[in-house]
Amino acid sequence: MHDEELDMVLGDSDVLIGFSRLSIAMVITNPALEDNPIIYVNDAFERTTGYNRSSVIGRNCRFLQGDRTDKRDVDQIRDAIAKARDVSVDILNYRSDGTPFQNRLIIAPIKNDQGVPIYFLGIQKALMPGDRASDNQIEIRDLEIVVSRVEKDLALILGSLRTLSGAEDAKGLTHEAEALPRRLECLQLVYEEMKLSDRRVNDGFIDLGSLLSRIANAISFHEGRVGIRFNQFVEPISVNLETATRIGLVMCEVLTNAFQHAFQGMQQGYVELRVTELAAGGLRIMVSDDGVGLPPSIDWPNGATMGGRLISQLLEGLDATINVARGAAGTVIMIDVPVGFTDQ
């Protein structure tokens, strides 16, 4: 992948075009674990290959290969991973039912500050008859744009991992590993909204209200429990792609934290999300609950935790402010994103 060429085509509208053209399967593997196993796949991977998530997590991607897979393609991939470099290849893979399909695959290492790969990102596109001859260069360019976009977004959520020290205990690392799929699912919702925005010809802007509503619904479904009510009031607000990604990830962290920690020892509770456009410009996000509340001795977001560092880094990139209010019952978290981010 050539950085100079990509820089010329990585405007928001080009990224949207790339996503709308492609049904993209995404895979992330961890080279720090034995045999570089899969730690995440998205829904498109399940649809493309027929394998469900639970059956592939912890396995090396070679299970997609079969008798007719060209060994030269396999060697090319193996060599690129060993040298921690990008690779693009069309390889014959097999679905769970044994059906072969031609798979356009781009693999890119996600590196830490020392240049060591901490993850490998795989972007896959199942080819249809005639694709290789007719749209080869367009498809490759689109995939490279998507890879570059996803690499950039992954850098946001993996930034906390890059600052890990030997003093961080196994419990913290386990918690971070458990949180990674949730954060990746948030990115997936951003990408789906990108596809919708492209169909609406929205000039590179995303309906943040729609995105945040979907993220909130997903979190309340997975993290909610009996006795906990959830309401949301989200205004339709258009923002650019970069802002939407950061705000989506911030809200994912804040809302998940409320569901997971606000009601310890309680049988009932209430969580509310409000997203409003401010009269003076910008927007305000409020997440409130009537739970046990934050202890006065705790600063939040906590820079000693990976989740806290992620929130701080995202807010800094937005030039946003965060205020945490401790009431008689529960907590109110208010985030203001300043003037200029929603201007079209």
Protein backbone atom coordinates (compact mmCIF):
# COMPACT_ATOMS: atom_id res chain seq x y z
CA MET A 1 0.00 0.00 0.00
CA HIS A 2 1.49 3.37 -1.02
CA ASP A 3 0.93 6.10 1.58
CA GLU A 4 1.36 8.94 -0.91
CA GLU A 5 -1.37 7.59 -3.18
CA LEU A 6 -3.72 6.88 -0.30
CA ASP A 7 -3.31 10.38 1.13
CA MET A 8 -4.78 11.73 -2.10
CA VAL A 9 -7.94 9.62 -1.88
CA LEU A 10 -8.64 9.46 1.84
CA GLY A 11 -11.16 12.28 2.02
CA ASP A 12 -14.45 11.37 3.72
CA SER A 13 -16.36 10.98 0.46
CA ASP A 14 -13.77 8.57 -0.97
CA VAL A 15 -13.95 6.45 2.16
CA LEU A 16 -17.73 6.34 1.89
CA ILE A 17 -17.53 5.22 -1.73
CA GLY A 18 -15.13 2.45 -0.74
CA PHE A 19 -17.50 1.13 1.92
CA SER A 20 -20.64 1.32 -0.19
CA ARG A 21 -19.10 -0.70 -3.03
CA LEU A 22 -17.90 -3.53 -0.82
CA SER A 23 -19.35 -6.15 1.48
CA ILE A 24 -16.34 -6.21 3.72
CA ALA A 25 -15.32 -9.04 6.02
CA MET A 26 -12.95 -7.94 8.78
CA VAL A 27 -10.64 -10.17 10.82
CA ILE A 28 -8.19 -9.25 13.58
CA THR A 29 -5.51 -11.65 14.82
CA ASN A 30 -3.07 -11.45 17.72
CA PRO A 31 0.55 -12.41 16.88
CA ALA A 32 1.50 -12.29 20.58
CA LEU A 33 -0.53 -15.46 21.11
CA GLU A 34 0.55 -18.88 19.89
CA ASP A 35 -0.19 -19.43 16.18
CA ASN A 36 -1.48 -15.85 15.66
CA PRO A 37 -5.15 -16.72 16.34
CA ILE A 38 -8.28 -14.77 15.43
CA ILE A 39 -9.57 -12.54 18.23
CA TYR A 40 -12.34 -10.78 16.29
CA VAL A 41 -14.47 -11.19 13.17
CA ASN A 42 -17.40 -9.03 12.07
CA ASP A 43 -20.84 -10.04 10.81
CA ALA A 44 -19.74 -9.83 7.17
CA PHE A 45 -17.10 -12.50 7.85
CA GLU A 46 -19.79 -14.82 9.17
CA ARG A 47 -22.00 -14.18 6.12
CA THR A 48 -19.12 -14.61 3.66
CA THR A 49 -17.58 -17.77 5.10
CA GLY A 50 -20.53 -19.44 6.83
CA TYR A 51 -18.50 -19.79 10.04
CA ASN A 52 -19.98 -18.29 13.19
CA ARG A 53 -17.89 -16.20 15.50
CA SER A 54 -17.70 -18.69 18.33
CA SER A 55 -16.25 -21.39 16.07
CA VAL A 56 -13.34 -19.27 14.74
CA ILE A 57 -12.15 -17.20 17.72
CA GLY A 58 -8.85 -18.67 18.90
CA ARG A 59 -8.04 -20.35 15.57
CA ASN A 60 -5.50 -19.45 12.92
CA CYS A 61 -7.06 -18.29 9.63
CA ARG A 62 -5.62 -21.26 7.73
CA PHE A 63 -8.84 -23.22 8.27
CA LEU A 64 -10.19 -21.24 5.29
CA GLN A 65 -7.68 -22.99 3.02
CA GLY A 66 -8.34 -26.24 1.18
CA ASP A 67 -6.98 -28.76 -1.32
CA ARG A 68 -7.01 -26.35 -4.27
CA THR A 69 -5.59 -23.35 -2.44
CA ASP A 70 -2.44 -22.22 -4.23
CA LYS A 71 0.59 -22.76 -1.97
CA ARG A 72 2.26 -19.73 -3.53
CA ASP A 73 -0.53 -17.50 -2.22
CA VAL A 74 -0.19 -19.07 1.23
CA ASP A 75 3.58 -18.55 1.19
CA GLN A 76 3.11 -14.91 0.17
CA ILE A 77 0.83 -14.32 3.15
CA ARG A 78 3.10 -16.20 5.56
CA ASP A 79 6.15 -14.22 4.40
CA ALA A 80 4.35 -10.87 4.78
CA ILE A 81 3.23 -11.72 8.33
CA ALA A 82 6.73 -12.86 9.27
CA LYS A 83 8.13 -9.56 7.98
CA ALA A 84 5.24 -7.49 9.44
CA ARG A 85 4.35 -5.83 6.15
CA ASP A 86 1.19 -5.29 4.09
CA VAL A 87 0.15 -7.87 1.53
CA SER A 88 -2.61 -8.07 -1.07
CA VAL A 89 -3.54 -11.39 -2.66
CA ASP A 90 -6.44 -13.16 -4.37
CA ILE A 91 -6.62 -16.58 -2.72
CA LEU A 92 -8.94 -19.56 -3.07
CA ASN A 93 -10.70 -20.14 0.27
CA TYR A 94 -13.48 -22.46 1.39
CA ARG A 95 -16.73 -21.76 3.20
CA SER A 96 -17.92 -23.85 6.14
CA ASP A 97 -19.98 -26.06 3.79
CA GLY A 98 -16.92 -26.78 1.63
CA THR A 99 -17.85 -24.40 -1.18
CA PRO A 100 -14.75 -22.71 -2.69
CA PHE A 101 -14.69 -18.98 -3.33
CA GLN A 102 -12.12 -16.52 -4.60
CA ASN A 103 -11.17 -14.17 -1.77
CA ARG A 104 -9.54 -10.78 -2.30
CA LEU A 105 -7.50 -10.31 0.86
CA ILE A 106 -5.47 -7.42 2.22
CA ILE A 107 -3.52 -7.91 5.46
CA ALA A 108 -1.92 -5.03 7.35
CA PRO A 109 0.02 -5.06 10.63
CA ILE A 110 -1.13 -2.77 13.45
CA LYS A 111 2.11 -1.73 15.15
CA ASN A 112 3.02 -0.18 18.50
CA ASP A 113 5.29 2.83 18.91
CA GLN A 114 8.35 0.59 18.64
CA GLY A 115 7.18 -0.74 15.27
CA VAL A 116 6.27 -4.17 16.65
CA PRO A 117 2.99 -5.64 15.31
CA ILE A 118 0.47 -6.05 18.13
CA TYR A 119 -2.35 -7.12 15.80
CA PHE A 120 -2.90 -8.02 12.18
CA LEU A 121 -5.92 -6.64 10.34
CA GLY A 122 -7.41 -8.63 7.49
CA ILE A 123 -9.94 -7.14 5.08
CA GLN A 124 -11.65 -9.65 2.79
CA LYS A 125 -13.93 -9.38 -0.22
CA ALA A 126 -15.47 -12.43 -1.88
CA LEU A 127 -15.07 -12.08 -5.65
CA MET A 128 -17.79 -12.82 -8.14
CA PRO A 129 -17.17 -14.18 -11.66
CA GLY A 130 -15.68 -11.41 -13.80
CA ASP A 131 -14.54 -9.25 -10.88
CA ARG A 132 -10.87 -9.98 -11.42
CA ALA A 133 -10.94 -8.84 -15.03
CA SER A 134 -13.36 -5.93 -14.91
CA ASP A 135 -12.87 -4.09 -11.63
CA ASN A 136 -9.54 -5.34 -10.35
CA GLN A 137 -7.82 -1.99 -9.82
CA ILE A 138 -10.96 -0.25 -8.52
CA GLU A 139 -11.62 -3.01 -6.01
CA ILE A 140 -8.01 -3.05 -4.78
CA ARG A 141 -7.99 0.73 -4.40
CA ASP A 142 -11.30 0.62 -2.50
CA LEU A 143 -10.00 -2.10 -0.20
CA GLU A 144 -6.80 -0.17 0.46
CA ILE A 145 -8.85 2.91 1.36
CA VAL A 146 -10.93 0.84 3.75
CA VAL A 147 -7.83 -0.75 5.32
CA SER A 148 -6.29 2.68 5.86
CA ARG A 149 -9.53 3.93 7.45
CA VAL A 150 -9.81 0.92 9.76
CA GLU A 151 -6.11 1.13 10.69
CA LYS A 152 -6.63 4.74 11.71
CA ASP A 153 -9.68 3.90 13.81
CA LEU A 154 -7.97 0.94 15.43
CA ALA A 155 -5.15 3.26 16.45
CA LEU A 156 -7.71 5.20 18.50
CA ILE A 157 -8.93 2.23 20.48
CA LEU A 158 -5.54 0.51 20.76
CA GLY A 159 -3.69 3.60 21.95
CA SER A 160 -4.10 2.55 25.58
CA LEU A 161 -2.46 -0.78 24.86
CA ARG A 162 0.59 0.98 23.45
CA THR A 163 1.25 2.61 26.82
CA LEU A 164 1.12 -0.60 28.85
CA SER A 165 3.92 -1.17 31.31
CA GLY A 166 5.11 -4.32 33.01
CA ALA A 167 3.37 -3.14 36.16
CA GLU A 168 -0.09 -3.63 34.64
CA ASP A 169 -1.57 -6.82 36.06
CA ALA A 170 -3.15 -9.73 34.24
CA LYS A 171 -6.62 -8.71 35.41
CA GLY A 172 -6.37 -5.37 33.62
CA LEU A 173 -5.15 -7.02 30.43
CA THR A 174 -7.98 -9.55 30.56
CA HIS A 175 -10.51 -6.75 30.99
CA GLU A 176 -9.05 -4.91 28.00
CA ALA A 177 -9.22 -8.05 25.87
CA GLU A 178 -12.86 -8.49 26.82
CA ALA A 179 -13.63 -4.85 25.95
CA LEU A 180 -11.97 -4.95 22.52
CA PRO A 181 -14.81 -6.74 20.65
CA ARG A 182 -17.33 -4.22 22.00
CA ARG A 183 -15.22 -1.32 20.75
CA LEU A 184 -14.80 -3.00 17.38
CA GLU A 185 -18.55 -3.49 17.13
CA CYS A 186 -18.93 0.25 17.69
CA LEU A 187 -16.59 0.87 14.74
CA GLN A 188 -18.64 -1.56 12.66
CA LEU A 189 -21.75 0.53 13.31
CA VAL A 190 -19.83 3.62 12.19
CA TYR A 191 -18.93 1.86 8.94
CA GLU A 192 -22.52 0.79 8.34
CA GLU A 193 -23.64 4.39 8.82
CA MET A 194 -20.96 5.42 6.32
CA LYS A 195 -22.54 3.14 3.73
CA LEU A 196 -25.97 4.63 4.39
CA SER A 197 -24.60 8.17 4.17
CA ASP A 198 -23.04 7.39 0.81
CA ARG A 199 -26.34 6.14 -0.57
CA ARG A 200 -27.94 9.40 0.57
CA VAL A 201 -25.16 11.40 -1.13
CA ASN A 202 -24.54 13.26 2.12
CA ASP A 203 -21.18 14.73 1.08
CA GLY A 204 -19.09 12.88 3.63
CA PHE A 205 -21.27 13.70 6.66
CA ILE A 206 -22.89 11.12 8.94
CA ASP A 207 -26.16 11.32 10.86
CA LEU A 208 -24.68 11.19 14.35
CA GLY A 209 -28.13 10.85 15.91
CA SER A 210 -28.80 7.64 14.00
CA LEU A 211 -25.35 6.27 14.80
CA LEU A 212 -25.52 6.99 18.54
CA SER A 213 -29.03 5.59 18.77
CA ARG A 214 -27.90 2.30 17.23
CA ILE A 215 -24.83 2.12 19.48
CA ALA A 216 -27.00 2.83 22.53
CA ASN A 217 -29.52 0.15 21.55
CA ALA A 218 -26.75 -2.41 21.08
CA ILE A 219 -25.20 -1.60 24.47
CA SER A 220 -28.53 -1.68 26.33
CA PHE A 221 -29.31 -5.04 24.71
CA HIS A 222 -25.99 -6.63 25.66
CA GLU A 223 -25.34 -4.92 29.01
CA GLY A 224 -28.89 -4.39 30.31
CA ARG A 225 -30.58 -6.68 32.81
CA VAL A 226 -33.94 -7.17 34.48
CA GLY A 227 -34.97 -4.12 36.49
CA ILE A 228 -32.78 -1.61 34.63
CA ARG A 229 -34.71 0.82 32.42
CA PHE A 230 -33.14 2.75 29.58
CA ASN A 231 -34.37 5.78 27.64
CA GLN A 232 -32.70 7.84 24.96
CA PHE A 233 -33.43 11.23 23.44
CA VAL A 234 -31.16 11.79 20.46
CA GLU A 235 -31.50 14.67 18.00
CA PRO A 236 -30.53 14.26 14.32
CA ILE A 237 -27.14 15.97 14.00
CA SER A 238 -24.77 15.71 11.02
CA VAL A 239 -21.04 15.56 11.68
CA ASN A 240 -17.99 14.58 9.69
CA LEU A 241 -16.61 11.06 9.75
CA GLU A 242 -13.71 11.71 12.12
CA THR A 243 -15.97 13.37 14.68
CA ALA A 244 -18.60 10.63 14.41
CA THR A 245 -16.01 7.92 15.05
CA ARG A 246 -14.58 9.61 18.14
CA ILE A 247 -17.97 10.53 19.60
CA GLY A 248 -19.32 7.04 18.95
CA LEU A 249 -16.40 5.45 20.79
CA VAL A 250 -16.65 7.89 23.70
CA MET A 251 -20.36 7.26 24.14
CA CYS A 252 -19.79 3.52 23.91
CA GLU A 253 -17.34 3.71 26.83
CA VAL A 254 -19.47 6.01 28.98
CA LEU A 255 -22.77 4.18 28.47
CA THR A 256 -21.22 0.74 28.95
CA ASN A 257 -19.62 1.94 32.18
CA ALA A 258 -23.03 3.08 33.46
CA PHE A 259 -24.69 -0.27 32.76
CA GLN A 260 -21.80 -2.30 34.17
CA HIS A 261 -21.02 -0.36 37.35
CA ALA A 262 -23.84 2.00 38.34
CA PHE A 263 -26.19 -0.57 39.89
CA GLN A 264 -23.99 -2.90 41.89
CA GLY A 265 -26.11 -4.42 44.62
CA MET A 266 -29.29 -2.82 43.24
CA GLN A 267 -32.31 -4.57 41.76
CA GLN A 268 -33.67 -1.59 39.83
CA GLY A 269 -32.30 1.45 38.13
CA TYR A 270 -32.57 3.95 35.31
CA VAL A 271 -30.12 5.05 32.59
CA GLU A 272 -30.76 7.92 30.23
CA LEU A 273 -28.91 9.19 27.16
CA ARG A 274 -29.50 12.68 25.76
CA VAL A 275 -27.78 14.12 22.70
CA THR A 276 -28.72 17.69 21.78
CA GLU A 277 -27.46 20.40 19.49
CA LEU A 278 -26.48 23.51 21.43
CA ALA A 279 -27.88 26.92 20.48
CA ALA A 280 -24.38 28.38 20.34
CA GLY A 281 -23.12 25.53 18.14
CA GLY A 282 -21.63 22.16 18.91
CA LEU A 283 -23.40 19.39 20.75
CA ARG A 284 -23.91 18.01 24.25
CA ILE A 285 -24.01 14.36 25.29
CA MET A 286 -25.42 13.48 28.71
CA VAL A 287 -25.44 10.01 30.26
CA SER A 288 -27.18 9.88 33.63
CA ASP A 289 -28.16 7.12 36.04
CA ASP A 290 -29.77 6.80 39.46
CA GLY A 291 -27.37 4.14 40.70
CA VAL A 292 -24.85 3.95 43.52
CA GLY A 293 -22.86 6.92 42.24
CA LEU A 294 -19.12 7.43 41.96
CA PRO A 295 -17.23 7.55 45.28
CA PRO A 296 -15.89 11.06 46.00
CA SER A 297 -12.34 9.73 46.12
CA ILE A 298 -12.43 8.48 42.52
CA ASP A 299 -11.51 10.69 39.57
CA TRP A 300 -13.30 9.77 36.35
CA PRO A 301 -12.24 9.06 33.68
CA ASN A 302 -9.39 7.35 35.50
CA GLY A 303 -6.08 7.77 33.69
CA ALA A 304 -4.73 4.71 35.49
CA THR A 305 -7.05 2.43 33.51
CA MET A 306 -6.94 1.66 29.81
CA GLY A 307 -10.58 2.62 29.35
CA GLY A 308 -9.99 5.93 31.09
CA ARG A 309 -6.99 6.69 28.89
CA LEU A 310 -9.04 5.88 25.79
CA ILE A 311 -11.79 8.33 26.79
CA SER A 312 -9.24 11.06 27.56
CA GLN A 313 -7.46 10.58 24.23
CA LEU A 314 -10.71 10.66 22.28
CA LEU A 315 -11.93 13.80 24.08
CA GLU A 316 -8.60 15.52 23.49
CA GLY A 317 -8.91 14.82 19.77
CA LEU A 318 -12.38 16.42 19.80
CA ASP A 319 -11.25 19.37 21.93
CA ALA A 320 -14.25 18.41 24.06
CA THR A 321 -14.90 18.96 27.76
CA ILE A 322 -16.28 16.46 30.25
CA ASN A 323 -18.04 17.19 33.55
CA VAL A 324 -18.96 14.55 36.10
CA ALA A 325 -21.67 15.40 38.64
CA ARG A 326 -22.33 13.23 41.69
CA GLY A 327 -25.92 13.62 42.86
CA ALA A 328 -27.75 12.32 45.89
CA ALA A 329 -28.31 9.23 43.78
CA GLY A 330 -26.35 8.31 40.70
CA THR A 331 -24.05 10.11 38.32
CA VAL A 332 -24.45 12.57 35.45
CA ILE A 333 -21.73 12.71 32.80
CA MET A 334 -21.91 15.66 30.43
CA ILE A 335 -19.69 15.99 27.37
CA ASP A 336 -19.65 19.14 25.24
CA VAL A 337 -18.14 19.06 21.76
CA PRO A 338 -17.30 22.65 20.76
CA VAL A 339 -18.41 24.95 17.94
CA GLY A 340 -17.42 23.98 14.43
CA PHE A 341 -17.63 20.19 14.55
CA THR A 342 -21.17 20.02 13.17
CA ASP A 343 -20.84 22.75 10.55
CA GLN A 344 -21.49 21.59 7.01
